[in-house]
Amino acid sequence: MRLWRYFFRAIRLRCPQCGKGRIFRTPFSMFSHCVYCELKYAREEGYFLGSIYFNYGLTALIVTIGYPLLVFVFELPGQIVLWSTMVFCVVFPLWFFRYARSLWIAFDQLCDPEEAQDVRPQERH
């Protein structure tokens, strides 16, 4: 159940812990932490190297399935499909960049949870 909750929060580009905070400030600039629960998005230097696997993996999977399908099943001209695939391999990873990072944060939080800090004012007794 937690897997799907994290997945849907990642697709919405939200904090995997609370689901309220946005991960990205602009299309290519991230917040350092969640403004609601203070979950730190990048745990260490080079942390987002893992997001490259999501980005590259999905791009390679789509091309590996799509190219033969378009050429051999739909019988589209090979040169057109080749050039289209090359353009796809440049444009798609740029578009998917934010989602890959968001999925990586959610995956890491799922496998190795870091407790978020509650930033609401504490009640005093």
PDB file of N, CA and C in Angstrom:
ATOM      1  N   MET A   1       0.819  -1.189   0.000  1.00  0.00           N
ATOM      2  CA  MET A   1       0.000   0.000   0.000  1.00  0.00           C
ATOM      3  C   MET A   1       0.868   1.260   0.000  1.00  0.00           C
ATOM      4  N   ARG A   2       1.923   1.220   0.799  1.00  0.00           N
ATOM      5  CA  ARG A   2       2.842   2.356   0.867  1.00  0.00           C
ATOM      6  C   ARG A   2       3.502   2.614  -0.482  1.00  0.00           C
ATOM      7  N   LEU A   3       3.771   1.532  -1.228  1.00  0.00           N
ATOM      8  CA  LEU A   3       4.390   1.652  -2.550  1.00  0.00           C
ATOM      9  C   LEU A   3       3.546   2.528  -3.461  1.00  0.00           C
ATOM     10  N   TRP A   4       2.264   2.260  -3.524  1.00  0.00           N
ATOM     11  CA  TRP A   4       1.381   3.030  -4.410  1.00  0.00           C
ATOM     12  C   TRP A   4       1.230   4.472  -3.932  1.00  0.00           C
ATOM     13  N   ARG A   5       1.183   4.675  -2.633  1.00  0.00           N
ATOM     14  CA  ARG A   5       1.079   6.035  -2.102  1.00  0.00           C
ATOM     15  C   ARG A   5       2.309   6.849  -2.522  1.00  0.00           C
ATOM     16  N   TYR A   6       3.500   6.265  -2.365  1.00  0.00           N
ATOM     17  CA  TYR A   6       4.725   6.953  -2.773  1.00  0.00           C
ATOM     18  C   TYR A   6       4.764   7.164  -4.285  1.00  0.00           C
ATOM     19  N   PHE A   7       4.331   6.166  -5.046  1.00  0.00           N
ATOM     20  CA  PHE A   7       4.346   6.276  -6.502  1.00  0.00           C
ATOM     21  C   PHE A   7       3.456   7.430  -6.962  1.00  0.00           C
ATOM     22  N   PHE A   8       2.232   7.502  -6.448  1.00  0.00           N
ATOM     23  CA  PHE A   8       1.316   8.556  -6.883  1.00  0.00           C
ATOM     24  C   PHE A   8       1.772   9.937  -6.423  1.00  0.00           C
ATOM     25  N   ARG A   9       2.396   9.998  -5.275  1.00  0.00           N
ATOM     26  CA  ARG A   9       2.958  11.279  -4.837  1.00  0.00           C
ATOM     27  C   ARG A   9       4.120  11.686  -5.734  1.00  0.00           C
ATOM     28  N   ALA A  10       4.939  10.736  -6.155  1.00  0.00           N
ATOM     29  CA  ALA A  10       6.068  11.025  -7.048  1.00  0.00           C
ATOM     30  C   ALA A  10       5.580  11.510  -8.406  1.00  0.00           C
ATOM     31  N   ILE A  11       4.535  10.887  -8.930  1.00  0.00           N
ATOM     32  CA  ILE A  11       3.995  11.299 -10.231  1.00  0.00           C
ATOM     33  C   ILE A  11       3.419  12.712 -10.158  1.00  0.00           C
ATOM     34  N   ARG A  12       2.915  13.073  -8.997  1.00  0.00           N
ATOM     35  CA  ARG A  12       2.389  14.429  -8.800  1.00  0.00           C
ATOM     36  C   ARG A  12       3.487  15.420  -8.405  1.00  0.00           C
ATOM     37  N   LEU A  13       4.742  14.940  -8.307  1.00  0.00           N
ATOM     38  CA  LEU A  13       5.905  15.752  -7.935  1.00  0.00           C
ATOM     39  C   LEU A  13       5.734  16.352  -6.546  1.00  0.00           C
ATOM     40  N   ARG A  14       5.276  15.533  -5.623  1.00  0.00           N
ATOM     41  CA  ARG A  14       5.067  15.943  -4.230  1.00  0.00           C
ATOM     42  C   ARG A  14       6.004  15.183  -3.305  1.00  0.00           C
ATOM     43  N   CYS A  15       6.148  15.681  -2.111  1.00  0.00           N
ATOM     44  CA  CYS A  15       6.976  15.040  -1.088  1.00  0.00           C
ATOM     45  C   CYS A  15       6.444  13.629  -0.830  1.00  0.00           C
ATOM     46  N   PRO A  16       7.309  12.620  -0.852  1.00  0.00           N
ATOM     47  CA  PRO A  16       6.828  11.257  -0.626  1.00  0.00           C
ATOM     48  C   PRO A  16       6.366  11.019   0.814  1.00  0.00           C
ATOM     49  N   GLN A  17       6.879  11.794   1.740  1.00  0.00           N
ATOM     50  CA  GLN A  17       6.543  11.595   3.143  1.00  0.00           C
ATOM     51  C   GLN A  17       5.156  12.133   3.491  1.00  0.00           C
ATOM     52  N   CYS A  18       4.905  13.407   3.168  1.00  0.00           N
ATOM     53  CA  CYS A  18       3.637  14.019   3.576  1.00  0.00           C
ATOM     54  C   CYS A  18       2.666  14.209   2.414  1.00  0.00           C
ATOM     55  N   GLY A  19       3.175  14.278   1.195  1.00  0.00           N
ATOM     56  CA  GLY A  19       2.318  14.459   0.032  1.00  0.00           C
ATOM     57  C   GLY A  19       1.860  15.885  -0.189  1.00  0.00           C
ATOM     58  N   LYS A  20       2.290  16.812   0.655  1.00  0.00           N
ATOM     59  CA  LYS A  20       1.840  18.205   0.548  1.00  0.00           C
ATOM     60  C   LYS A  20       2.854  19.103  -0.159  1.00  0.00           C
ATOM     61  N   GLY A  21       4.113  18.977   0.228  1.00  0.00           N
ATOM     62  CA  GLY A  21       5.145  19.867  -0.295  1.00  0.00           C
ATOM     63  C   GLY A  21       5.529  19.542  -1.727  1.00  0.00           C
ATOM     64  N   ARG A  22       5.781  20.593  -2.491  1.00  0.00           N
ATOM     65  CA  ARG A  22       6.253  20.409  -3.861  1.00  0.00           C
ATOM     66  C   ARG A  22       7.750  20.108  -3.833  1.00  0.00           C
ATOM     67  N   ILE A  23       8.215  19.348  -4.804  1.00  0.00           N
ATOM     68  CA  ILE A  23       9.634  19.010  -4.887  1.00  0.00           C
ATOM     69  C   ILE A  23      10.379  20.042  -5.729  1.00  0.00           C
ATOM     70  N   PHE A  24       9.734  20.545  -6.771  1.00  0.00           N
ATOM     71  CA  PHE A  24      10.402  21.470  -7.696  1.00  0.00           C
ATOM     72  C   PHE A  24       9.879  22.893  -7.559  1.00  0.00           C
ATOM     73  N   ARG A  25      10.831  23.816  -7.530  1.00  0.00           N
ATOM     74  CA  ARG A  25      10.533  25.249  -7.490  1.00  0.00           C
ATOM     75  C   ARG A  25      10.236  25.736  -8.907  1.00  0.00           C
ATOM     76  N   THR A  26      11.080  25.355  -9.855  1.00  0.00           N
ATOM     77  CA  THR A  26      10.922  25.671 -11.282  1.00  0.00           C
ATOM     78  C   THR A  26      11.130  24.360 -12.039  1.00  0.00           C
ATOM     79  N   PRO A  27      10.990  24.349 -13.357  1.00  0.00           N
ATOM     80  CA  PRO A  27      11.154  23.084 -14.083  1.00  0.00           C
ATOM     81  C   PRO A  27      12.470  22.341 -13.823  1.00  0.00           C
ATOM     82  N   PHE A  28      13.557  23.043 -13.527  1.00  0.00           N
ATOM     83  CA  PHE A  28      14.826  22.366 -13.300  1.00  0.00           C
ATOM     84  C   PHE A  28      15.474  22.709 -11.961  1.00  0.00           C
ATOM     85  N   SER A  29      14.762  23.405 -11.103  1.00  0.00           N
ATOM     86  CA  SER A  29      15.306  23.787  -9.797  1.00  0.00           C
ATOM     87  C   SER A  29      14.446  23.169  -8.689  1.00  0.00           C
ATOM     88  N   MET A  30      15.131  22.497  -7.756  1.00  0.00           N
ATOM     89  CA  MET A  30      14.433  21.800  -6.679  1.00  0.00           C
ATOM     90  C   MET A  30      14.504  22.577  -5.373  1.00  0.00           C
ATOM     91  N   PHE A  31      13.525  22.317  -4.521  1.00  0.00           N
ATOM     92  CA  PHE A  31      13.619  22.760  -3.139  1.00  0.00           C
ATOM     93  C   PHE A  31      14.603  21.821  -2.450  1.00  0.00           C
ATOM     94  N   SER A  32      15.277  22.283  -1.424  1.00  0.00           N
ATOM     95  CA  SER A  32      16.225  21.419  -0.710  1.00  0.00           C
ATOM     96  C   SER A  32      15.504  20.469   0.247  1.00  0.00           C
ATOM     97  N   HIS A  33      14.326  20.876   0.695  1.00  0.00           N
ATOM     98  CA  HIS A  33      13.557  20.067   1.638  1.00  0.00           C
ATOM     99  C   HIS A  33      12.073  20.402   1.502  1.00  0.00           C
ATOM    100  N   CYS A  34      11.246  19.599   2.098  1.00  0.00           N
ATOM    101  CA  CYS A  34       9.806  19.827   2.086  1.00  0.00           C
ATOM    102  C   CYS A  34       9.477  20.955   3.059  1.00  0.00           C
ATOM    103  N   VAL A  35       8.677  21.907   2.619  1.00  0.00           N
ATOM    104  CA  VAL A  35       8.331  23.029   3.498  1.00  0.00           C
ATOM    105  C   VAL A  35       7.320  22.622   4.574  1.00  0.00           C
ATOM    106  N   TYR A  36       6.663  21.489   4.415  1.00  0.00           N
ATOM    107  CA  TYR A  36       5.675  21.038   5.401  1.00  0.00           C
ATOM    108  C   TYR A  36       6.271  20.108   6.457  1.00  0.00           C
ATOM    109  N   CYS A  37       7.009  19.100   6.017  1.00  0.00           N
ATOM    110  CA  CYS A  37       7.510  18.106   6.975  1.00  0.00           C
ATOM    111  C   CYS A  37       9.029  18.136   7.143  1.00  0.00           C
ATOM    112  N   GLU A  38       9.707  19.037   6.433  1.00  0.00           N
ATOM    113  CA  GLU A  38      11.162  19.199   6.531  1.00  0.00           C
ATOM    114  C   GLU A  38      11.965  17.996   6.046  1.00  0.00           C
ATOM    115  N   LEU A  39      11.350  17.109   5.250  1.00  0.00           N
ATOM    116  CA  LEU A  39      12.097  15.978   4.696  1.00  0.00           C
ATOM    117  C   LEU A  39      13.145  16.514   3.733  1.00  0.00           C
ATOM    118  N   LYS A  40      14.385  16.150   3.955  1.00  0.00           N
ATOM    119  CA  LYS A  40      15.490  16.594   3.107  1.00  0.00           C
ATOM    120  C   LYS A  40      15.461  15.763   1.829  1.00  0.00           C
ATOM    121  N   TYR A  41      15.407  16.421   0.670  1.00  0.00           N
ATOM    122  CA  TYR A  41      15.287  15.697  -0.598  1.00  0.00           C
ATOM    123  C   TYR A  41      16.598  15.058  -1.036  1.00  0.00           C
ATOM    124  N   ALA A  42      17.691  15.780  -0.931  1.00  0.00           N
ATOM    125  CA  ALA A  42      18.998  15.222  -1.312  1.00  0.00           C
ATOM    126  C   ALA A  42      19.756  14.882  -0.034  1.00  0.00           C
ATOM    127  N   ARG A  43      19.902  13.610   0.238  1.00  0.00           N
ATOM    128  CA  ARG A  43      20.515  13.192   1.502  1.00  0.00           C
ATOM    129  C   ARG A  43      22.023  13.420   1.541  1.00  0.00           C
ATOM    130  N   GLU A  44      22.677  13.336   0.386  1.00  0.00           N
ATOM    131  CA  GLU A  44      24.139  13.456   0.354  1.00  0.00           C
ATOM    132  C   GLU A  44      24.579  13.902  -1.033  1.00  0.00           C
ATOM    133  N   GLU A  45      25.842  14.205  -1.158  1.00  0.00           N
ATOM    134  CA  GLU A  45      26.425  14.608  -2.441  1.00  0.00           C
ATOM    135  C   GLU A  45      26.278  13.463  -3.440  1.00  0.00           C
ATOM    136  N   GLY A  46      25.828  13.761  -4.639  1.00  0.00           N
ATOM    137  CA  GLY A  46      25.669  12.737  -5.668  1.00  0.00           C
ATOM    138  C   GLY A  46      24.422  11.882  -5.497  1.00  0.00           C
ATOM    139  N   TYR A  47      23.537  12.302  -4.630  1.00  0.00           N
ATOM    140  CA  TYR A  47      22.340  11.526  -4.298  1.00  0.00           C
ATOM    141  C   TYR A  47      21.479  11.225  -5.522  1.00  0.00           C
ATOM    142  N   PHE A  48      21.342  12.190  -6.408  1.00  0.00           N
ATOM    143  CA  PHE A  48      20.431  12.023  -7.540  1.00  0.00           C
ATOM    144  C   PHE A  48      21.030  11.246  -8.702  1.00  0.00           C
ATOM    145  N   LEU A  49      22.205  10.694  -8.512  1.00  0.00           N
ATOM    146  CA  LEU A  49      22.772   9.824  -9.539  1.00  0.00           C
ATOM    147  C   LEU A  49      21.835   8.641  -9.802  1.00  0.00           C
ATOM    148  N   GLY A  50      21.151   8.188  -8.781  1.00  0.00           N
ATOM    149  CA  GLY A  50      20.209   7.075  -8.925  1.00  0.00           C
ATOM    150  C   GLY A  50      19.024   7.402  -9.814  1.00  0.00           C
ATOM    151  N   SER A  51      18.655   8.679  -9.893  1.00  0.00           N
ATOM    152  CA  SER A  51      17.514   9.048 -10.742  1.00  0.00           C
ATOM    153  C   SER A  51      17.831   8.852 -12.224  1.00  0.00           C
ATOM    154  N   ILE A  52      19.105   8.839 -12.551  1.00  0.00           N
ATOM    155  CA  ILE A  52      19.507   8.608 -13.938  1.00  0.00           C
ATOM    156  C   ILE A  52      19.058   7.220 -14.384  1.00  0.00           C
ATOM    157  N   TYR A  53      19.064   6.255 -13.476  1.00  0.00           N
ATOM    158  CA  TYR A  53      18.619   4.903 -13.824  1.00  0.00           C
ATOM    159  C   TYR A  53      17.151   4.892 -14.213  1.00  0.00           C
ATOM    160  N   PHE A  54      16.335   5.642 -13.502  1.00  0.00           N
ATOM    161  CA  PHE A  54      14.920   5.742 -13.867  1.00  0.00           C
ATOM    162  C   PHE A  54      14.768   6.383 -15.243  1.00  0.00           C
ATOM    163  N   ASN A  55      15.478   7.488 -15.457  1.00  0.00           N
ATOM    164  CA  ASN A  55      15.362   8.226 -16.709  1.00  0.00           C
ATOM    165  C   ASN A  55      15.888   7.412 -17.894  1.00  0.00           C
ATOM    166  N   TYR A  56      17.097   6.913 -17.765  1.00  0.00           N
ATOM    167  CA  TYR A  56      17.693   6.122 -18.840  1.00  0.00           C
ATOM    168  C   TYR A  56      16.926   4.828 -19.070  1.00  0.00           C
ATOM    169  N   GLY A  57      16.537   4.178 -17.988  1.00  0.00           N
ATOM    170  CA  GLY A  57      15.834   2.901 -18.097  1.00  0.00           C
ATOM    171  C   GLY A  57      14.529   3.014 -18.857  1.00  0.00           C
ATOM    172  N   LEU A  58      13.728   4.018 -18.536  1.00  0.00           N
ATOM    173  CA  LEU A  58      12.451   4.183 -19.233  1.00  0.00           C
ATOM    174  C   LEU A  58      12.668   4.602 -20.681  1.00  0.00           C
ATOM    175  N   THR A  59      13.620   5.491 -20.923  1.00  0.00           N
ATOM    176  CA  THR A  59      13.929   5.902 -22.293  1.00  0.00           C
ATOM    177  C   THR A  59      14.365   4.703 -23.128  1.00  0.00           C
ATOM    178  N   ALA A  60      15.280   3.902 -22.606  1.00  0.00           N
ATOM    179  CA  ALA A  60      15.767   2.719 -23.331  1.00  0.00           C
ATOM    180  C   ALA A  60      14.660   1.699 -23.545  1.00  0.00           C
ATOM    181  N   LEU A  61      13.804   1.511 -22.569  1.00  0.00           N
ATOM    182  CA  LEU A  61      12.697   0.570 -22.702  1.00  0.00           C
ATOM    183  C   LEU A  61      11.724   0.999 -23.796  1.00  0.00           C
ATOM    184  N   ILE A  62      11.376   2.269 -23.815  1.00  0.00           N
ATOM    185  CA  ILE A  62      10.455   2.772 -24.839  1.00  0.00           C
ATOM    186  C   ILE A  62      11.059   2.628 -26.229  1.00  0.00           C
ATOM    187  N   VAL A  63      12.334   2.970 -26.376  1.00  0.00           N
ATOM    188  CA  VAL A  63      12.994   2.866 -27.681  1.00  0.00           C
ATOM    189  C   VAL A  63      13.145   1.406 -28.098  1.00  0.00           C
ATOM    190  N   THR A  64      13.516   0.550 -27.168  1.00  0.00           N
ATOM    191  CA  THR A  64      13.713  -0.867 -27.471  1.00  0.00           C
ATOM    192  C   THR A  64      12.420  -1.535 -27.929  1.00  0.00           C
ATOM    193  N   ILE A  65      11.317  -1.155 -27.340  1.00  0.00           N
ATOM    194  CA  ILE A  65      10.025  -1.707 -27.754  1.00  0.00           C
ATOM    195  C   ILE A  65       9.462  -0.959 -28.957  1.00  0.00           C
ATOM    196  N   GLY A  66       9.587   0.358 -28.943  1.00  0.00           N
ATOM    197  CA  GLY A  66       8.969   1.193 -29.973  1.00  0.00           C
ATOM    198  C   GLY A  66       9.577   1.073 -31.353  1.00  0.00           C
ATOM    199  N   TYR A  67      10.900   1.075 -31.442  1.00  0.00           N
ATOM    200  CA  TYR A  67      11.544   1.052 -32.752  1.00  0.00           C
ATOM    201  C   TYR A  67      11.171  -0.197 -33.560  1.00  0.00           C
ATOM    202  N   PRO A  68      11.387  -1.400 -33.034  1.00  0.00           N
ATOM    203  CA  PRO A  68      11.001  -2.580 -33.825  1.00  0.00           C
ATOM    204  C   PRO A  68       9.495  -2.642 -34.116  1.00  0.00           C
ATOM    205  N   LEU A  69       8.711  -2.186 -33.179  1.00  0.00           N
ATOM    206  CA  LEU A  69       7.264  -2.174 -33.376  1.00  0.00           C
ATOM    207  C   LEU A  69       6.882  -1.268 -34.542  1.00  0.00           C
ATOM    208  N   LEU A  70       7.443  -0.066 -34.580  1.00  0.00           N
ATOM    209  CA  LEU A  70       7.128   0.876 -35.651  1.00  0.00           C
ATOM    210  C   LEU A  70       7.671   0.420 -36.999  1.00  0.00           C
ATOM    211  N   VAL A  71       8.861  -0.165 -37.022  1.00  0.00           N
ATOM    212  CA  VAL A  71       9.485  -0.567 -38.290  1.00  0.00           C
ATOM    213  C   VAL A  71       8.903  -1.875 -38.824  1.00  0.00           C
ATOM    214  N   PHE A  72       8.773  -2.877 -37.962  1.00  0.00           N
ATOM    215  CA  PHE A  72       8.384  -4.213 -38.438  1.00  0.00           C
ATOM    216  C   PHE A  72       6.884  -4.503 -38.376  1.00  0.00           C
ATOM    217  N   VAL A  73       6.199  -3.940 -37.414  1.00  0.00           N
ATOM    218  CA  VAL A  73       4.762  -4.208 -37.313  1.00  0.00           C
ATOM    219  C   VAL A  73       3.962  -3.181 -38.103  1.00  0.00           C
ATOM    220  N   PHE A  74       4.249  -1.895 -37.887  1.00  0.00           N
ATOM    221  CA  PHE A  74       3.515  -0.849 -38.590  1.00  0.00           C
ATOM    222  C   PHE A  74       4.156  -0.489 -39.925  1.00  0.00           C
ATOM    223  N   GLU A  75       5.332  -1.057 -40.217  1.00  0.00           N
ATOM    224  CA  GLU A  75       6.048  -0.908 -41.480  1.00  0.00           C
ATOM    225  C   GLU A  75       6.271   0.543 -41.892  1.00  0.00           C
ATOM    226  N   LEU A  76       6.674   1.357 -40.928  1.00  0.00           N
ATOM    227  CA  LEU A  76       7.041   2.735 -41.221  1.00  0.00           C
ATOM    228  C   LEU A  76       8.468   2.749 -41.763  1.00  0.00           C
ATOM    229  N   PRO A  77       8.822   3.744 -42.584  1.00  0.00           N
ATOM    230  CA  PRO A  77      10.185   3.807 -43.137  1.00  0.00           C
ATOM    231  C   PRO A  77      11.243   3.882 -42.027  1.00  0.00           C
ATOM    232  N   GLY A  78      12.276   3.044 -42.131  1.00  0.00           N
ATOM    233  CA  GLY A  78      13.320   2.926 -41.122  1.00  0.00           C
ATOM    234  C   GLY A  78      14.047   4.224 -40.825  1.00  0.00           C
ATOM    235  N   GLN A  79      14.331   5.009 -41.879  1.00  0.00           N
ATOM    236  CA  GLN A  79      15.057   6.272 -41.678  1.00  0.00           C
ATOM    237  C   GLN A  79      14.239   7.271 -40.865  1.00  0.00           C
ATOM    238  N   ILE A  80      12.968   7.340 -41.147  1.00  0.00           N
ATOM    239  CA  ILE A  80      12.103   8.264 -40.407  1.00  0.00           C
ATOM    240  C   ILE A  80      12.007   7.841 -38.942  1.00  0.00           C
ATOM    241  N   VAL A  81      11.832   6.545 -38.731  1.00  0.00           N
ATOM    242  CA  VAL A  81      11.744   6.040 -37.357  1.00  0.00           C
ATOM    243  C   VAL A  81      13.074   6.250 -36.633  1.00  0.00           C
ATOM    244  N   LEU A  82      14.181   6.045 -37.318  1.00  0.00           N
ATOM    245  CA  LEU A  82      15.499   6.243 -36.707  1.00  0.00           C
ATOM    246  C   LEU A  82      15.679   7.685 -36.254  1.00  0.00           C
ATOM    247  N   TRP A  83      15.386   8.642 -37.116  1.00  0.00           N
ATOM    248  CA  TRP A  83      15.548  10.051 -36.763  1.00  0.00           C
ATOM    249  C   TRP A  83      14.553  10.479 -35.685  1.00  0.00           C
ATOM    250  N   SER A  84      13.360   9.950 -35.773  1.00  0.00           N
ATOM    251  CA  SER A  84      12.360  10.246 -34.741  1.00  0.00           C
ATOM    252  C   SER A  84      12.802   9.696 -33.394  1.00  0.00           C
ATOM    253  N   THR A  85      13.384   8.510 -33.405  1.00  0.00           N
ATOM    254  CA  THR A  85      13.875   7.889 -32.183  1.00  0.00           C
ATOM    255  C   THR A  85      15.023   8.699 -31.589  1.00  0.00           C
ATOM    256  N   MET A  86      15.890   9.208 -32.443  1.00  0.00           N
ATOM    257  CA  MET A  86      17.008  10.022 -31.959  1.00  0.00           C
ATOM    258  C   MET A  86      16.493  11.311 -31.303  1.00  0.00           C
ATOM    259  N   VAL A  87      15.507  11.941 -31.902  1.00  0.00           N
ATOM    260  CA  VAL A  87      14.918  13.142 -31.311  1.00  0.00           C
ATOM    261  C   VAL A  87      14.253  12.786 -29.974  1.00  0.00           C
ATOM    262  N   PHE A  88      13.545  11.663 -29.960  1.00  0.00           N
ATOM    263  CA  PHE A  88      12.894  11.199 -28.733  1.00  0.00           C
ATOM    264  C   PHE A  88      13.911  11.005 -27.620  1.00  0.00           C
ATOM    265  N   CYS A  89      15.076  10.434 -27.961  1.00  0.00           N
ATOM    266  CA  CYS A  89      16.117  10.152 -26.967  1.00  0.00           C
ATOM    267  C   CYS A  89      16.729  11.416 -26.378  1.00  0.00           C
ATOM    268  N   VAL A  90      16.521  12.549 -27.010  1.00  0.00           N
ATOM    269  CA  VAL A  90      17.002  13.822 -26.463  1.00  0.00           C
ATOM    270  C   VAL A  90      15.879  14.538 -25.707  1.00  0.00           C
ATOM    271  N   VAL A  91      14.691  14.573 -26.289  1.00  0.00           N
ATOM    272  CA  VAL A  91      13.588  15.344 -25.720  1.00  0.00           C
ATOM    273  C   VAL A  91      12.953  14.651 -24.511  1.00  0.00           C
ATOM    274  N   PHE A  92      12.702  13.356 -24.608  1.00  0.00           N
ATOM    275  CA  PHE A  92      12.017  12.653 -23.527  1.00  0.00           C
ATOM    276  C   PHE A  92      12.764  12.714 -22.201  1.00  0.00           C
ATOM    277  N   PRO A  93      14.076  12.452 -22.150  1.00  0.00           N
ATOM    278  CA  PRO A  93      14.774  12.546 -20.853  1.00  0.00           C
ATOM    279  C   PRO A  93      14.734  13.949 -20.245  1.00  0.00           C
ATOM    280  N   LEU A  94      14.723  14.977 -21.082  1.00  0.00           N
ATOM    281  CA  LEU A  94      14.622  16.337 -20.549  1.00  0.00           C
ATOM    282  C   LEU A  94      13.254  16.558 -19.906  1.00  0.00           C
ATOM    283  N   TRP A  95      12.219  16.066 -20.555  1.00  0.00           N
ATOM    284  CA  TRP A  95      10.871  16.184 -19.998  1.00  0.00           C
ATOM    285  C   TRP A  95      10.715  15.317 -18.746  1.00  0.00           C
ATOM    286  N   PHE A  96      11.258  14.110 -18.768  1.00  0.00           N
ATOM    287  CA  PHE A  96      11.079  13.142 -17.690  1.00  0.00           C
ATOM    288  C   PHE A  96      12.008  13.390 -16.496  1.00  0.00           C
ATOM    289  N   PHE A  97      12.948  14.314 -16.637  1.00  0.00           N
ATOM    290  CA  PHE A  97      13.937  14.621 -15.599  1.00  0.00           C
ATOM    291  C   PHE A  97      13.303  14.811 -14.218  1.00  0.00           C
ATOM    292  N   ARG A  98      12.267  15.644 -14.138  1.00  0.00           N
ATOM    293  CA  ARG A  98      11.621  15.923 -12.851  1.00  0.00           C
ATOM    294  C   ARG A  98      10.973  14.675 -12.265  1.00  0.00           C
ATOM    295  N   TYR A  99      10.333  13.901 -13.115  1.00  0.00           N
ATOM    296  CA  TYR A  99       9.660  12.689 -12.648  1.00  0.00           C
ATOM    297  C   TYR A  99      10.677  11.629 -12.195  1.00  0.00           C
ATOM    298  N   ALA A 100      11.808  11.553 -12.895  1.00  0.00           N
ATOM    299  CA  ALA A 100      12.847  10.597 -12.508  1.00  0.00           C
ATOM    300  C   ALA A 100      13.392  10.939 -11.125  1.00  0.00           C
ATOM    301  N   ARG A 101      13.620  12.210 -10.881  1.00  0.00           N
ATOM    302  CA  ARG A 101      14.113  12.612  -9.559  1.00  0.00           C
ATOM    303  C   ARG A 101      13.067  12.361  -8.483  1.00  0.00           C
ATOM    304  N   SER A 102      11.838  12.684  -8.795  1.00  0.00           N
ATOM    305  CA  SER A 102      10.758  12.468  -7.839  1.00  0.00           C
ATOM    306  C   SER A 102      10.576  10.980  -7.538  1.00  0.00           C
ATOM    307  N   LEU A 103      10.649  10.151  -8.564  1.00  0.00           N
ATOM    308  CA  LEU A 103      10.550   8.702  -8.366  1.00  0.00           C
ATOM    309  C   LEU A 103      11.726   8.177  -7.553  1.00  0.00           C
ATOM    310  N   TRP A 104      12.904   8.738  -7.771  1.00  0.00           N
ATOM    311  CA  TRP A 104      14.074   8.315  -7.022  1.00  0.00           C
ATOM    312  C   TRP A 104      13.927   8.652  -5.535  1.00  0.00           C
ATOM    313  N   ILE A 105      13.448   9.844  -5.235  1.00  0.00           N
ATOM    314  CA  ILE A 105      13.243  10.231  -3.841  1.00  0.00           C
ATOM    315  C   ILE A 105      12.224   9.290  -3.191  1.00  0.00           C
ATOM    316  N   ALA A 106      11.132   9.009  -3.914  1.00  0.00           N
ATOM    317  CA  ALA A 106      10.094   8.121  -3.373  1.00  0.00           C
ATOM    318  C   ALA A 106      10.628   6.706  -3.179  1.00  0.00           C
ATOM    319  N   PHE A 107      11.403   6.208  -4.144  1.00  0.00           N
ATOM    320  CA  PHE A 107      11.978   4.874  -4.045  1.00  0.00           C
ATOM    321  C   PHE A 107      12.924   4.785  -2.852  1.00  0.00           C
ATOM    322  N   ASP A 108      13.750   5.799  -2.689  1.00  0.00           N
ATOM    323  CA  ASP A 108      14.692   5.816  -1.572  1.00  0.00           C
ATOM    324  C   ASP A 108      13.950   5.900  -0.238  1.00  0.00           C
ATOM    325  N   GLN A 109      12.920   6.707  -0.203  1.00  0.00           N
ATOM    326  CA  GLN A 109      12.132   6.831   1.035  1.00  0.00           C
ATOM    327  C   GLN A 109      11.411   5.520   1.346  1.00  0.00           C
ATOM    328  N   LEU A 110      10.993   4.806   0.314  1.00  0.00           N
ATOM    329  CA  LEU A 110      10.327   3.520   0.510  1.00  0.00           C
ATOM    330  C   LEU A 110      11.306   2.479   1.059  1.00  0.00           C
ATOM    331  N   CYS A 111      12.498   2.430   0.492  1.00  0.00           N
ATOM    332  CA  CYS A 111      13.489   1.412   0.877  1.00  0.00           C
ATOM    333  C   CYS A 111      14.258   1.758   2.143  1.00  0.00           C
ATOM    334  N   ASP A 112      14.536   3.045   2.340  1.00  0.00           N
ATOM    335  CA  ASP A 112      15.330   3.482   3.491  1.00  0.00           C
ATOM    336  C   ASP A 112      14.713   4.756   4.058  1.00  0.00           C
ATOM    337  N   PRO A 113      13.605   4.627   4.781  1.00  0.00           N
ATOM    338  CA  PRO A 113      12.875   5.817   5.232  1.00  0.00           C
ATOM    339  C   PRO A 113      13.697   6.710   6.155  1.00  0.00           C
ATOM    340  N   GLU A 114      13.588   7.979   5.895  1.00  0.00           N
ATOM    341  CA  GLU A 114      14.180   8.980   6.782  1.00  0.00           C
ATOM    342  C   GLU A 114      13.006   9.676   7.438  1.00  0.00           C
ATOM    343  N   GLU A 115      13.012   9.712   8.741  1.00  0.00           N
ATOM    344  CA  GLU A 115      11.890  10.319   9.452  1.00  0.00           C
ATOM    345  C   GLU A 115      11.860  11.818   9.192  1.00  0.00           C
ATOM    346  N   ALA A 116      10.694  12.293   8.815  1.00  0.00           N
ATOM    347  CA  ALA A 116      10.509  13.721   8.604  1.00  0.00           C
ATOM    348  C   ALA A 116      10.279  14.390   9.951  1.00  0.00           C
ATOM    349  N   GLN A 117      10.631  15.647  10.012  1.00  0.00           N
ATOM    350  CA  GLN A 117      10.428  16.397  11.245  1.00  0.00           C
ATOM    351  C   GLN A 117       9.122  17.162  11.144  1.00  0.00           C
ATOM    352  N   ASP A 118       8.377  17.170  12.178  1.00  0.00           N
ATOM    353  CA  ASP A 118       7.131  17.910  12.210  1.00  0.00           C
ATOM    354  C   ASP A 118       7.462  19.361  12.529  1.00  0.00           C
ATOM    355  N   VAL A 119       7.093  20.282  11.653  1.00  0.00           N
ATOM    356  CA  VAL A 119       7.429  21.683  11.865  1.00  0.00           C
ATOM    357  C   VAL A 119       6.256  22.482  12.438  1.00  0.00           C
ATOM    358  N   ARG A 120       5.162  21.836  12.774  1.00  0.00           N
ATOM    359  CA  ARG A 120       4.065  22.533  13.426  1.00  0.00           C
ATOM    360  C   ARG A 120       4.487  22.941  14.834  1.00  0.00           C
ATOM    361  N   PRO A 121       3.954  24.034  15.309  1.00  0.00           N
ATOM    362  CA  PRO A 121       4.316  24.455  16.679  1.00  0.00           C
ATOM    363  C   PRO A 121       3.927  23.388  17.696  1.00  0.00           C
ATOM    364  N   GLN A 122       4.799  23.130  18.630  1.00  0.00           N
ATOM    365  CA  GLN A 122       4.574  22.128  19.674  1.00  0.00           C
ATOM    366  C   GLN A 122       3.663  22.723  20.745  1.00  0.00           C
ATOM    367  N   GLU A 123       2.776  21.891  21.249  1.00  0.00           N
ATOM    368  CA  GLU A 123       1.926  22.313  22.349  1.00  0.00           C
ATOM    369  C   GLU A 123       2.726  22.219  23.643  1.00  0.00           C
ATOM    370  N   ARG A 124       2.566  23.190  24.505  1.00  0.00           N
ATOM    371  CA  ARG A 124       3.272  23.174  25.793  1.00  0.00           C
ATOM    372  C   ARG A 124       2.286  22.822  26.897  1.00  0.00           C
ATOM    373  N   HIS A 125       2.699  21.947  27.775  1.00  0.00           N
ATOM    374  CA  HIS A 125       1.836  21.534  28.894  1.00  0.00           C
ATOM    375  C   HIS A 125       2.216  22.262  30.136  1.00  0.00           C
TER     376      HIS A 125
END
